[in-house]
Amino acid sequence: MLNGGNSLYGNNNAQQPPRKSLAMIMKPAVRIVLNLLVSLAAVLQASEDSWSQVSTGAKHTCARVASNHCHGAGGACSSRGAIECFGDDKFGQSSPPPGSFAKVSCGRDTTCALRKDGAVACWGNPESGVVTGQPHAYGFDAITVGGAHACGLKKGRLTCWGDNEYGQASPPDADMAFLDVSAGTHHTCGVQRNGYVVCWGHDGEKESSGYPPTQRFVQVSAGNGHSCGLTNQHQLVCWGRNVEGQTSSPSGKGLFFSSVSCGHRHSCAVRDASRSADAVVCWGSNYAGESRARFRGLFVSVAAGAQHSCGLTAAGDVRCWGDNRYGQSLGTVRTGIRGVLG
């Protein structure tokens, strides 16, 4: 029968499921493709994150953003010059204030940065005096944070504040002019304009008095009971505690370096790419892999922390290795930092 009745396919007058249109069939597929594209965009965005500086503390790391970027679709965005930190945040040392900055330096449990006008901004453990004693002044060119003290450099003149139990916050001569300064755990070292190094503060391991008095330097780094300097011949000279081999710097024909950094019980340096193979080398304690730099490629700087280290590549990538118990080496998906543990 053409009208009514039963047919081969059952009762035509009964309620049937609605037919799916082509658009309805395509919706799930389109949604899957869109999700894949969003995920791919997030990965590509993370790889495009670039940084202009990295600094390591005892259990945290901070990096300065080189260009505007967002962390994946719908993620937080950061502007050029912003500071992003990861790792231990017990005292707020990994919670930077908003704004644009020119420099950043991580200490034991505090962090300081210089704004574009040279004003100092410090955050973290208030009991150290680094935060409460920070100078309310402008025009600083460089800043360095140690165990519980900090120093700022303004037109060659030093201003230090914070813990001064061993005299680490009291430069030997107010009239001295410096090119570089570095705050360690309990001592401080600086390169004078004439290239000679001077150190002050704790000296139980000769970390403040063991430097060669006639050697000219271009950079110096103060660690925990030891110090290292980069000579004007791009060679390394270290002094102080050497129980873990942290002052036994690599040397030999063809070895030239462009920067050096002292950590808690280890040290790292960047080989001079204009003269030798481009790589980061570390020596000393390797308890958590802090001296096992597995990344290759062209690095422009390195920062040694307590039991972790981080380097900045020429491409603006941050690479970290060593201890990651607090996330100080791997960061998060949000930061896009890559690391290798142990």
Protein backbone atom coordinates (compact mmCIF):
# COMPACT_ATOMS: atom_id res chain seq x y z
CA MET A 1 0.00 0.00 0.00
CA LEU A 2 1.23 3.41 -0.84
CA ASN A 3 -0.74 5.24 1.82
CA GLY A 4 -0.56 4.08 5.40
CA GLY A 5 -0.20 0.47 6.56
CA ASN A 6 3.02 -1.42 7.15
CA SER A 7 5.95 -1.41 4.86
CA LEU A 8 9.10 -3.35 4.56
CA TYR A 9 10.74 -0.80 6.83
CA GLY A 10 8.15 -0.82 9.54
CA ASN A 11 5.55 1.75 10.45
CA ASN A 12 6.28 4.93 8.50
CA ASN A 13 3.93 6.85 10.75
CA ALA A 14 5.86 5.88 13.91
CA GLN A 15 8.40 8.43 15.45
CA GLN A 16 11.80 7.94 13.81
CA PRO A 17 15.19 9.30 14.87
CA PRO A 18 15.90 12.55 12.99
CA ARG A 19 18.25 12.24 10.08
CA LYS A 20 21.74 13.67 10.73
CA SER A 21 22.67 16.41 8.37
CA LEU A 22 26.16 16.71 6.93
CA ALA A 23 26.83 19.65 9.28
CA MET A 24 25.88 17.56 12.31
CA ILE A 25 28.15 14.73 11.20
CA MET A 26 31.04 17.14 10.66
CA LYS A 27 30.78 18.92 14.05
CA PRO A 28 32.68 16.28 16.08
CA ALA A 29 35.39 16.05 13.44
CA VAL A 30 35.73 19.83 13.28
CA ARG A 31 35.91 19.99 17.07
CA ILE A 32 38.70 17.37 17.11
CA VAL A 33 40.66 19.23 14.43
CA LEU A 34 40.26 22.54 16.27
CA ASN A 35 41.46 20.98 19.52
CA LEU A 36 44.52 19.61 17.73
CA LEU A 37 45.25 23.01 16.22
CA VAL A 38 44.93 24.70 19.60
CA SER A 39 47.29 22.17 21.16
CA LEU A 40 49.77 22.63 18.31
CA ALA A 41 49.56 26.40 18.66
CA ALA A 42 50.29 26.10 22.39
CA VAL A 43 53.36 23.97 21.70
CA LEU A 44 54.58 26.36 19.03
CA GLN A 45 53.94 29.33 21.30
CA ALA A 46 55.93 27.73 24.12
CA SER A 47 58.84 27.21 21.74
CA GLU A 48 58.63 30.88 20.74
CA ASP A 49 59.02 32.11 24.33
CA SER A 50 62.30 33.97 24.53
CA TRP A 51 64.26 35.34 27.45
CA SER A 52 66.98 37.93 27.84
CA GLN A 53 68.39 36.92 31.24
CA VAL A 54 68.23 34.08 33.77
CA SER A 55 69.24 34.03 37.44
CA THR A 56 69.26 31.19 39.96
CA GLY A 57 68.75 31.27 43.71
CA ALA A 58 69.00 28.47 46.24
CA LYS A 59 65.77 26.77 45.22
CA HIS A 60 64.21 29.09 42.67
CA THR A 61 64.91 30.60 39.25
CA CYS A 62 63.84 33.83 37.59
CA ALA A 63 64.05 34.87 33.95
CA ARG A 64 63.40 38.15 32.18
CA VAL A 65 61.05 38.10 29.19
CA ALA A 66 62.64 39.22 25.92
CA SER A 67 59.48 39.62 23.84
CA ASN A 68 55.73 39.72 24.36
CA HIS A 69 54.26 36.24 24.54
CA CYS A 70 51.34 34.24 25.87
CA HIS A 71 51.53 30.74 27.33
CA GLY A 72 49.21 28.76 25.09
CA ALA A 73 45.64 29.52 24.10
CA GLY A 74 43.91 31.41 26.88
CA GLY A 75 47.06 31.35 29.01
CA ALA A 76 48.70 34.17 30.89
CA CYS A 77 50.56 36.74 28.81
CA SER A 78 53.79 38.52 29.64
CA SER A 79 55.23 41.69 28.20
CA ARG A 80 58.81 42.37 27.28
CA GLY A 81 60.86 43.06 30.40
CA ALA A 82 58.52 41.20 32.76
CA ILE A 83 60.01 38.79 35.31
CA GLU A 84 58.79 35.21 35.54
CA CYS A 85 59.96 32.94 38.38
CA PHE A 86 59.49 29.29 39.27
CA GLY A 87 60.56 26.99 42.06
CA ASP A 88 60.33 27.43 45.83
CA ASP A 89 58.01 30.27 46.81
CA LYS A 90 57.86 29.79 50.57
CA PHE A 91 58.78 33.42 51.20
CA GLY A 92 57.34 34.84 47.99
CA GLN A 93 60.73 34.87 46.25
CA SER A 94 59.13 33.44 43.10
CA SER A 95 56.25 35.95 43.04
CA PRO A 96 57.61 39.02 41.22
CA PRO A 97 55.73 42.30 41.03
CA PRO A 98 54.26 43.38 37.69
CA GLY A 99 56.07 45.77 35.43
CA SER A 100 59.04 46.00 33.12
CA PHE A 101 62.57 45.40 34.38
CA ALA A 102 66.11 45.74 33.07
CA LYS A 103 67.93 43.27 35.37
CA VAL A 104 67.09 40.49 37.85
CA SER A 105 69.12 38.66 40.51
CA CYS A 106 68.11 35.73 42.72
CA GLY A 107 69.47 35.22 46.22
CA ARG A 108 68.94 32.46 48.75
CA ASP A 109 65.27 33.21 49.41
CA THR A 110 64.91 36.72 48.02
CA THR A 111 64.94 38.28 44.56
CA CYS A 112 65.74 41.80 43.38
CA ALA A 113 65.32 43.49 40.04
CA LEU A 114 65.99 46.87 38.49
CA ARG A 115 63.20 48.74 36.79
CA LYS A 116 63.82 50.58 33.55
CA ASP A 117 64.63 53.78 35.48
CA GLY A 118 67.14 51.94 37.67
CA ALA A 119 64.86 51.75 40.70
CA VAL A 120 65.31 48.72 42.96
CA ALA A 121 62.47 46.27 43.62
CA CYS A 122 63.05 43.33 46.01
CA TRP A 123 60.71 40.58 47.17
CA GLY A 124 60.93 37.42 49.27
CA ASN A 125 62.01 36.77 52.86
CA PRO A 126 61.66 40.04 54.80
CA GLU A 127 63.82 38.79 57.66
CA SER A 128 66.94 38.88 55.49
CA GLY A 129 66.97 42.67 55.29
CA VAL A 130 67.23 42.50 51.51
CA VAL A 131 63.57 43.42 51.18
CA THR A 132 63.16 45.81 54.12
CA GLY A 133 66.50 47.53 53.56
CA GLN A 134 66.27 48.09 49.81
CA PRO A 135 67.23 51.64 48.81
CA HIS A 136 64.51 53.93 47.50
CA ALA A 137 66.63 55.44 44.77
CA TYR A 138 66.93 55.46 41.01
CA GLY A 139 69.72 55.13 38.50
CA PHE A 140 71.23 51.75 39.41
CA ASP A 141 73.00 49.97 36.57
CA ALA A 142 73.43 46.50 38.09
CA ILE A 143 72.21 44.49 41.07
CA THR A 144 73.32 41.31 42.81
CA VAL A 145 71.73 39.32 45.64
CA GLY A 146 73.59 36.92 47.93
CA GLY A 147 72.61 34.85 50.92
CA ALA A 148 70.89 37.63 52.86
CA HIS A 149 72.45 40.80 51.47
CA ALA A 150 72.45 42.67 48.18
CA CYS A 151 74.49 45.29 46.36
CA GLY A 152 73.63 47.74 43.63
CA LEU A 153 76.00 49.45 41.24
CA LYS A 154 75.34 53.04 40.18
CA LYS A 155 77.85 54.76 37.90
CA GLY A 156 80.61 52.63 39.36
CA ARG A 157 79.69 53.25 43.01
CA LEU A 158 78.40 50.51 45.31
CA THR A 159 75.45 50.53 47.66
CA CYS A 160 74.96 47.39 49.76
CA TRP A 161 72.28 46.47 52.29
CA GLY A 162 70.93 43.54 54.28
CA ASP A 163 72.80 41.13 56.56
CA ASN A 164 76.23 42.46 57.51
CA GLU A 165 77.32 39.94 60.14
CA TYR A 166 80.65 39.35 58.39
CA GLY A 167 80.97 42.78 56.78
CA GLN A 168 79.68 41.49 53.44
CA ALA A 169 77.49 44.59 53.02
CA SER A 170 80.34 47.01 53.82
CA PRO A 171 82.61 47.69 50.82
CA PRO A 172 86.21 48.38 51.89
CA ASP A 173 86.35 51.87 50.40
CA ALA A 174 83.42 54.11 49.56
CA ASP A 175 85.52 55.83 46.89
CA MET A 176 86.26 52.65 44.95
CA ALA A 177 84.83 52.51 41.43
CA PHE A 178 83.66 49.13 40.13
CA LEU A 179 82.90 47.52 36.78
CA ASP A 180 81.30 44.38 38.21
CA VAL A 181 80.08 43.11 41.59
CA SER A 182 78.81 39.76 42.90
CA ALA A 183 77.22 38.90 46.25
CA GLY A 184 77.87 35.42 47.65
CA THR A 185 76.45 33.68 50.69
CA HIS A 186 78.48 35.62 53.26
CA HIS A 187 80.96 37.61 51.17
CA THR A 188 81.09 39.97 48.21
CA CYS A 189 83.58 40.48 45.38
CA GLY A 190 83.95 43.25 42.83
CA VAL A 191 86.08 44.11 39.83
CA GLN A 192 87.48 47.63 40.09
CA ARG A 193 87.75 49.89 37.08
CA ASN A 194 91.46 49.17 36.94
CA GLY A 195 90.68 45.46 36.56
CA TYR A 196 91.83 44.37 40.00
CA VAL A 197 89.54 42.24 42.18
CA VAL A 198 88.72 43.03 45.79
CA CYS A 199 86.54 40.92 48.12
CA TRP A 200 85.15 41.51 51.60
CA GLY A 201 83.07 39.68 54.19
CA HIS A 202 83.50 36.13 55.47
CA ASP A 203 86.95 34.69 54.83
CA GLY A 204 86.96 31.31 56.57
CA GLU A 205 87.85 29.55 53.31
CA LYS A 206 89.98 32.40 51.90
CA GLU A 207 87.08 33.27 49.64
CA SER A 208 87.70 36.97 50.32
CA SER A 209 91.50 37.01 50.34
CA GLY A 210 92.69 34.22 48.04
CA TYR A 211 92.47 36.13 44.77
CA PRO A 212 95.66 36.96 42.83
CA PRO A 213 96.41 40.62 43.64
CA THR A 214 98.16 41.44 40.36
CA GLN A 215 95.77 39.70 37.93
CA ARG A 216 93.40 41.83 35.85
CA PHE A 217 89.78 40.67 35.61
CA VAL A 218 86.67 41.59 33.63
CA GLN A 219 84.13 39.64 35.72
CA VAL A 220 83.89 38.00 39.15
CA SER A 221 81.42 35.68 40.87
CA ALA A 222 81.05 35.01 44.61
CA GLY A 223 79.61 31.69 45.76
CA ASN A 224 79.36 29.89 49.09
CA GLY A 225 82.90 29.94 50.50
CA HIS A 226 84.53 30.24 47.09
CA SER A 227 84.92 32.72 44.25
CA CYS A 228 85.87 32.67 40.57
CA GLY A 229 86.96 35.39 38.19
CA LEU A 230 87.30 35.79 34.45
CA THR A 231 90.63 37.39 33.50
CA ASN A 232 91.15 39.88 30.72
CA GLN A 233 92.72 36.96 28.82
CA HIS A 234 89.43 35.02 29.04
CA GLN A 235 90.91 32.52 31.49
CA LEU A 236 89.39 31.30 34.77
CA VAL A 237 90.89 31.81 38.21
CA CYS A 238 89.13 30.47 41.31
CA TRP A 239 89.93 30.61 45.03
CA GLY A 240 88.46 29.54 48.36
CA ARG A 241 86.84 26.27 49.40
CA ASN A 242 87.72 23.35 47.15
CA VAL A 243 86.47 20.31 49.08
CA GLU A 244 84.07 19.45 46.26
CA GLY A 245 86.39 20.68 43.51
CA GLN A 246 84.46 23.92 42.97
CA THR A 247 87.64 25.98 42.53
CA SER A 248 89.37 23.42 40.27
CA SER A 249 88.33 25.22 37.11
CA PRO A 250 89.11 23.77 33.68
CA SER A 251 92.25 25.12 32.13
CA GLY A 252 94.59 24.34 29.27
CA LYS A 253 95.52 25.29 25.78
CA GLY A 254 92.59 26.41 23.70
CA LEU A 255 90.25 26.89 26.66
CA PHE A 256 88.75 30.38 26.71
CA PHE A 257 85.64 31.59 28.50
CA SER A 258 83.16 34.46 28.30
CA SER A 259 81.43 34.29 31.71
CA VAL A 260 81.53 32.43 35.03
CA SER A 261 79.09 31.79 37.89
CA CYS A 262 79.64 30.32 41.36
CA GLY A 263 76.90 28.31 43.05
CA HIS A 264 76.72 26.74 46.48
CA ARG A 265 79.35 24.04 45.99
CA HIS A 266 79.85 24.08 42.25
CA SER A 267 80.77 26.52 39.50
CA CYS A 268 79.86 26.93 35.83
CA ALA A 269 81.28 28.87 32.91
CA VAL A 270 80.47 29.58 29.27
CA ARG A 271 83.19 28.79 26.79
CA ASP A 272 84.05 31.64 24.43
CA ALA A 273 82.42 30.73 21.12
CA SER A 274 84.67 33.14 19.23
CA ARG A 275 87.72 31.09 20.21
CA SER A 276 86.54 27.59 21.09
CA ALA A 277 83.62 25.17 21.11
CA ASP A 278 80.41 26.75 22.26
CA ALA A 279 79.29 24.99 25.42
CA VAL A 280 78.66 25.33 29.12
CA VAL A 281 81.01 23.54 31.51
CA CYS A 282 80.52 22.99 35.24
CA TRP A 283 82.72 21.55 37.98
CA GLY A 284 82.51 20.79 41.68
CA SER A 285 79.62 19.14 43.52
CA ASN A 286 77.32 17.05 41.35
CA TYR A 287 75.01 15.65 44.01
CA ALA A 288 71.86 16.47 42.05
CA GLY A 289 73.35 16.77 38.58
CA GLU A 290 74.06 20.50 38.93
CA SER A 291 77.45 20.09 37.26
CA ARG A 292 76.24 17.81 34.45
CA ALA A 293 75.38 20.30 31.72
CA ARG A 294 73.94 18.10 28.96
CA PHE A 295 72.76 20.84 26.65
CA ARG A 296 74.89 21.74 23.64
CA GLY A 297 74.81 24.82 21.51
CA LEU A 298 75.69 28.48 21.77
CA PHE A 299 75.18 29.88 25.28
CA VAL A 300 75.60 33.53 26.24
CA SER A 301 75.39 33.20 30.03
CA VAL A 302 75.07 30.67 32.86
CA ALA A 303 73.79 30.88 36.44
CA ALA A 304 74.76 28.39 39.17
CA GLY A 305 72.35 27.94 42.09
CA ALA A 306 72.47 25.69 45.15
CA GLN A 307 72.00 22.34 43.42
CA HIS A 308 70.80 23.41 40.00
CA SER A 309 72.10 25.49 37.11
CA CYS A 310 70.54 27.35 34.19
CA GLY A 311 71.93 28.75 30.97
CA LEU A 312 70.67 31.24 28.42
CA THR A 313 71.19 30.31 24.77
CA ALA A 314 71.91 32.72 21.94
CA ALA A 315 68.40 31.96 20.66
CA GLY A 316 66.88 33.25 23.90
CA ASP A 317 66.01 29.84 25.35
CA VAL A 318 66.55 28.94 29.01
CA ARG A 319 67.96 25.48 29.73
CA CYS A 320 68.28 24.13 33.28
CA TRP A 321 69.69 21.01 34.88
CA GLY A 322 70.08 19.52 38.37
CA ASP A 323 67.77 19.50 41.38
CA ASN A 324 64.09 19.99 40.61
CA ARG A 325 62.43 19.19 43.94
CA TYR A 326 60.82 22.63 43.91
CA GLY A 327 60.40 22.97 40.16
CA GLN A 328 63.44 25.24 39.90
CA SER A 329 64.93 23.38 36.93
CA LEU A 330 61.97 22.40 34.80
CA GLY A 331 59.64 25.26 35.57
CA THR A 332 56.08 24.69 34.37
CA VAL A 333 54.17 24.34 31.13
CA ARG A 334 53.36 28.01 31.62
CA THR A 335 56.98 29.12 31.50
CA GLY A 336 58.10 26.95 28.62
CA ILE A 337 61.47 26.29 30.31
CA ARG A 338 63.23 23.06 29.38
CA GLY A 339 65.41 21.11 31.76
CA VAL A 340 67.26 17.87 32.38
CA LEU A 341 67.26 16.27 35.82
CA GLY A 342 70.14 14.55 37.51
